[in-house]
N, C-alpha and C. Protein backbone atom coordinates (compact mmCIF):
# COMPACT_ATOMS: atom_id res chain seq x y z
N MET A 1 32.01 27.83 17.40
CA MET A 1 31.71 26.42 17.28
C MET A 1 30.21 26.23 17.49
N GLY A 2 29.53 25.57 16.60
CA GLY A 2 28.07 25.41 16.65
C GLY A 2 27.63 24.27 17.53
N ILE A 3 26.34 24.19 17.72
CA ILE A 3 25.74 23.12 18.52
C ILE A 3 25.75 21.84 17.70
N MET A 4 26.09 20.73 18.34
CA MET A 4 26.08 19.45 17.64
C MET A 4 24.66 19.07 17.27
N ALA A 5 24.48 18.55 16.09
CA ALA A 5 23.15 18.14 15.63
C ALA A 5 23.24 16.74 15.03
N ILE A 6 22.14 16.04 15.10
CA ILE A 6 22.06 14.67 14.60
C ILE A 6 20.88 14.59 13.65
N ASN A 7 21.11 13.98 12.48
CA ASN A 7 20.03 13.78 11.53
C ASN A 7 19.61 12.32 11.62
N LEU A 8 18.43 12.09 12.22
CA LEU A 8 17.96 10.74 12.50
C LEU A 8 16.69 10.49 11.71
N ALA A 9 16.76 9.62 10.71
CA ALA A 9 15.60 9.26 9.88
C ALA A 9 14.92 10.50 9.33
N GLY A 10 15.71 11.44 8.86
CA GLY A 10 15.15 12.64 8.26
C GLY A 10 14.74 13.70 9.27
N LEU A 11 14.89 13.43 10.56
CA LEU A 11 14.54 14.38 11.61
C LEU A 11 15.83 14.95 12.18
N HIS A 12 15.98 16.24 12.06
CA HIS A 12 17.19 16.92 12.51
C HIS A 12 17.04 17.27 13.98
N LEU A 13 17.86 16.67 14.85
CA LEU A 13 17.78 16.88 16.29
C LEU A 13 19.11 17.40 16.81
N ASP A 14 19.05 18.39 17.70
CA ASP A 14 20.29 18.75 18.37
C ASP A 14 20.47 17.81 19.56
N VAL A 15 21.57 17.89 20.22
CA VAL A 15 21.90 16.95 21.28
C VAL A 15 20.89 17.02 22.42
N ALA A 16 20.42 18.21 22.78
CA ALA A 16 19.47 18.36 23.87
C ALA A 16 18.14 17.68 23.54
N GLU A 17 17.67 17.85 22.32
CA GLU A 17 16.41 17.22 21.92
C GLU A 17 16.55 15.70 21.91
N LEU A 18 17.68 15.21 21.44
CA LEU A 18 17.92 13.77 21.44
C LEU A 18 17.97 13.25 22.87
N ALA A 19 18.58 13.99 23.77
CA ALA A 19 18.65 13.58 25.17
C ALA A 19 17.26 13.48 25.78
N VAL A 20 16.39 14.45 25.48
CA VAL A 20 15.03 14.42 26.00
C VAL A 20 14.29 13.20 25.47
N LEU A 21 14.44 12.92 24.19
CA LEU A 21 13.78 11.75 23.61
C LEU A 21 14.28 10.46 24.27
N LEU A 22 15.57 10.37 24.52
CA LEU A 22 16.11 9.17 25.16
C LEU A 22 15.68 9.07 26.61
N ILE A 23 15.65 10.20 27.31
CA ILE A 23 15.26 10.19 28.71
C ILE A 23 13.82 9.69 28.86
N PHE A 24 12.95 10.09 27.94
CA PHE A 24 11.57 9.64 28.01
C PHE A 24 11.39 8.29 27.32
N GLY A 25 12.15 8.04 26.29
CA GLY A 25 11.97 6.83 25.50
C GLY A 25 12.40 5.56 26.19
N ILE A 26 13.54 5.58 26.86
CA ILE A 26 14.06 4.37 27.51
C ILE A 26 13.12 3.88 28.59
N PRO A 27 12.64 4.74 29.51
CA PRO A 27 11.68 4.23 30.51
C PRO A 27 10.38 3.71 29.89
N ILE A 28 9.94 4.34 28.82
CA ILE A 28 8.70 3.91 28.18
C ILE A 28 8.87 2.51 27.60
N VAL A 29 10.00 2.26 26.97
CA VAL A 29 10.27 0.92 26.43
C VAL A 29 10.30 -0.10 27.57
N GLY A 30 10.92 0.29 28.70
CA GLY A 30 10.95 -0.60 29.86
C GLY A 30 9.56 -0.89 30.40
N ILE A 31 8.73 0.13 30.47
CA ILE A 31 7.36 -0.05 30.96
C ILE A 31 6.58 -0.97 30.03
N LEU A 32 6.71 -0.75 28.73
CA LEU A 32 6.00 -1.60 27.77
C LEU A 32 6.47 -3.05 27.87
N CYS A 33 7.78 -3.26 27.98
CA CYS A 33 8.29 -4.63 28.10
C CYS A 33 7.80 -5.27 29.40
N GLY A 34 7.82 -4.52 30.49
CA GLY A 34 7.33 -5.04 31.76
C GLY A 34 5.87 -5.40 31.70
N THR A 35 5.08 -4.57 31.03
CA THR A 35 3.66 -4.84 30.88
C THR A 35 3.43 -6.12 30.09
N ILE A 36 4.19 -6.29 29.03
CA ILE A 36 4.06 -7.50 28.21
C ILE A 36 4.42 -8.73 29.02
N VAL A 37 5.49 -8.65 29.81
CA VAL A 37 5.90 -9.78 30.64
C VAL A 37 4.81 -10.11 31.65
N GLU A 38 4.26 -9.09 32.31
CA GLU A 38 3.21 -9.33 33.30
C GLU A 38 1.96 -9.93 32.65
N LEU A 39 1.60 -9.45 31.46
CA LEU A 39 0.45 -10.02 30.76
C LEU A 39 0.70 -11.49 30.43
N ALA A 40 1.92 -11.80 29.99
CA ALA A 40 2.25 -13.19 29.67
C ALA A 40 2.15 -14.06 30.92
N LYS A 41 2.64 -13.55 32.07
CA LYS A 41 2.53 -14.30 33.32
C LYS A 41 1.08 -14.53 33.70
N MET A 42 0.25 -13.49 33.55
CA MET A 42 -1.16 -13.61 33.89
C MET A 42 -1.84 -14.64 32.99
N LEU A 43 -1.52 -14.62 31.71
CA LEU A 43 -2.13 -15.58 30.79
C LEU A 43 -1.68 -17.00 31.10
N ARG A 44 -0.41 -17.16 31.44
CA ARG A 44 0.11 -18.48 31.75
C ARG A 44 -0.55 -19.03 33.02
N ARG A 45 -0.73 -18.19 34.03
CA ARG A 45 -1.38 -18.63 35.26
C ARG A 45 -2.84 -18.97 35.02
N GLY A 46 -3.46 -18.28 34.07
CA GLY A 46 -4.89 -18.47 33.83
C GLY A 46 -5.22 -19.70 33.01
N GLU A 47 -4.23 -20.36 32.42
CA GLU A 47 -4.51 -21.52 31.58
C GLU A 47 -5.15 -22.67 32.34
N GLY A 48 -4.72 -22.91 33.56
CA GLY A 48 -5.21 -24.06 34.29
C GLY A 48 -6.39 -23.78 35.20
N ARG A 49 -6.90 -22.56 35.22
CA ARG A 49 -7.95 -22.26 36.19
C ARG A 49 -9.24 -21.88 35.47
N ARG A 50 -10.32 -22.02 36.14
CA ARG A 50 -11.62 -21.72 35.57
C ARG A 50 -11.87 -20.22 35.62
N ALA A 51 -12.72 -19.75 34.70
CA ALA A 51 -13.07 -18.32 34.68
C ALA A 51 -13.87 -18.00 35.93
N GLY A 52 -13.67 -16.82 36.45
CA GLY A 52 -14.38 -16.43 37.67
C GLY A 52 -13.96 -15.05 38.10
N ALA A 53 -14.00 -14.82 39.40
CA ALA A 53 -13.68 -13.51 39.96
C ALA A 53 -12.24 -13.11 39.64
N GLN A 54 -11.31 -14.06 39.69
CA GLN A 54 -9.92 -13.73 39.39
C GLN A 54 -9.76 -13.31 37.94
N SER A 55 -10.46 -13.98 37.05
CA SER A 55 -10.40 -13.63 35.64
C SER A 55 -10.97 -12.23 35.41
N GLU A 56 -12.04 -11.91 36.09
CA GLU A 56 -12.63 -10.57 35.97
C GLU A 56 -11.67 -9.52 36.49
N GLU A 57 -10.99 -9.82 37.58
CA GLU A 57 -10.01 -8.89 38.14
C GLU A 57 -8.85 -8.69 37.17
N GLU A 58 -8.38 -9.76 36.57
CA GLU A 58 -7.31 -9.66 35.59
C GLU A 58 -7.76 -8.83 34.39
N THR A 59 -8.98 -9.04 33.93
CA THR A 59 -9.51 -8.26 32.81
C THR A 59 -9.55 -6.78 33.17
N ARG A 60 -10.00 -6.48 34.38
CA ARG A 60 -10.06 -5.09 34.81
C ARG A 60 -8.66 -4.48 34.86
N LEU A 61 -7.68 -5.23 35.37
CA LEU A 61 -6.31 -4.73 35.44
C LEU A 61 -5.71 -4.51 34.05
N ILE A 62 -5.98 -5.43 33.15
CA ILE A 62 -5.48 -5.28 31.79
C ILE A 62 -6.09 -4.05 31.13
N GLN A 63 -7.38 -3.84 31.31
CA GLN A 63 -8.03 -2.66 30.75
C GLN A 63 -7.45 -1.38 31.35
N GLN A 64 -7.18 -1.39 32.65
CA GLN A 64 -6.60 -0.23 33.30
C GLN A 64 -5.20 0.05 32.75
N MET A 65 -4.39 -1.00 32.59
CA MET A 65 -3.05 -0.82 32.02
C MET A 65 -3.14 -0.27 30.60
N HIS A 66 -4.10 -0.77 29.83
CA HIS A 66 -4.27 -0.30 28.46
C HIS A 66 -4.60 1.19 28.43
N ARG A 67 -5.52 1.62 29.30
CA ARG A 67 -5.87 3.05 29.36
C ARG A 67 -4.66 3.90 29.76
N GLN A 68 -3.87 3.41 30.71
CA GLN A 68 -2.69 4.16 31.15
C GLN A 68 -1.65 4.24 30.03
N LEU A 69 -1.47 3.16 29.29
CA LEU A 69 -0.53 3.18 28.17
C LEU A 69 -1.00 4.13 27.07
N GLU A 70 -2.31 4.19 26.82
CA GLU A 70 -2.83 5.14 25.83
C GLU A 70 -2.56 6.57 26.26
N ARG A 71 -2.77 6.87 27.56
CA ARG A 71 -2.50 8.23 28.05
C ARG A 71 -1.00 8.54 27.93
N MET A 72 -0.15 7.57 28.21
CA MET A 72 1.29 7.78 28.09
C MET A 72 1.66 8.04 26.64
N GLU A 73 1.04 7.31 25.73
CA GLU A 73 1.31 7.52 24.31
C GLU A 73 0.92 8.93 23.88
N GLU A 74 -0.21 9.43 24.37
CA GLU A 74 -0.64 10.79 24.06
C GLU A 74 0.37 11.81 24.58
N ARG A 75 0.89 11.58 25.79
CA ARG A 75 1.88 12.50 26.35
C ARG A 75 3.16 12.49 25.52
N ILE A 76 3.59 11.32 25.09
CA ILE A 76 4.81 11.22 24.28
C ILE A 76 4.61 11.95 22.96
N GLU A 77 3.46 11.77 22.34
CA GLU A 77 3.19 12.45 21.08
C GLU A 77 3.19 13.96 21.28
N ALA A 78 2.66 14.43 22.41
CA ALA A 78 2.66 15.86 22.69
C ALA A 78 4.10 16.37 22.85
N LEU A 79 4.94 15.61 23.55
CA LEU A 79 6.34 16.00 23.71
C LEU A 79 7.07 16.02 22.37
N GLU A 80 6.81 15.02 21.54
CA GLU A 80 7.44 14.98 20.22
C GLU A 80 7.00 16.18 19.39
N THR A 81 5.72 16.54 19.47
CA THR A 81 5.21 17.69 18.74
C THR A 81 5.91 18.96 19.20
N ILE A 82 6.06 19.11 20.51
CA ILE A 82 6.73 20.29 21.05
C ILE A 82 8.16 20.37 20.53
N LEU A 83 8.87 19.24 20.55
CA LEU A 83 10.25 19.23 20.07
C LEU A 83 10.33 19.57 18.58
N ILE A 84 9.44 19.01 17.79
CA ILE A 84 9.45 19.28 16.34
C ILE A 84 9.13 20.74 16.08
N GLU A 85 8.14 21.30 16.78
CA GLU A 85 7.79 22.71 16.59
C GLU A 85 8.95 23.60 17.01
N ARG A 86 9.62 23.27 18.09
CA ARG A 86 10.77 24.06 18.55
C ARG A 86 11.87 24.02 17.50
N GLU A 87 12.08 22.84 16.92
CA GLU A 87 13.12 22.72 15.89
C GLU A 87 12.76 23.57 14.66
N ARG A 88 11.49 23.55 14.27
CA ARG A 88 11.07 24.37 13.11
C ARG A 88 11.23 25.84 13.39
N GLU A 89 10.89 26.27 14.60
CA GLU A 89 11.06 27.68 14.98
C GLU A 89 12.52 28.09 14.92
N GLU A 90 13.39 27.23 15.43
CA GLU A 90 14.82 27.52 15.41
C GLU A 90 15.34 27.54 13.98
N ALA A 91 14.81 26.71 13.12
CA ALA A 91 15.25 26.67 11.73
C ALA A 91 14.85 27.94 10.97
N HIS A 92 13.72 28.53 11.35
CA HIS A 92 13.25 29.73 10.67
C HIS A 92 13.96 30.98 11.17
N GLN A 93 14.67 30.87 12.28
CA GLN A 93 15.35 32.07 12.82
C GLN A 93 16.71 32.22 12.26
């Protein structure tokens, strides 16, 4: 009996690879949604107040979150590359 495989949008994944993608993907989606909610809250709070030190702090925090999200995206792309290369190696064997 062979290993179960899933063909998702032209990408052939076995169950283990799909599990890894879901394990990393679900938290990432949660983090992105949380970030968007926090940004919306910050923008809503900032509507009635004048620009100043708090606005600068918010800008710094937003920039920091953006840098962290970019690094996370690079890590995800590296993991996806590893999975795709592993799949190609297994296909050639």
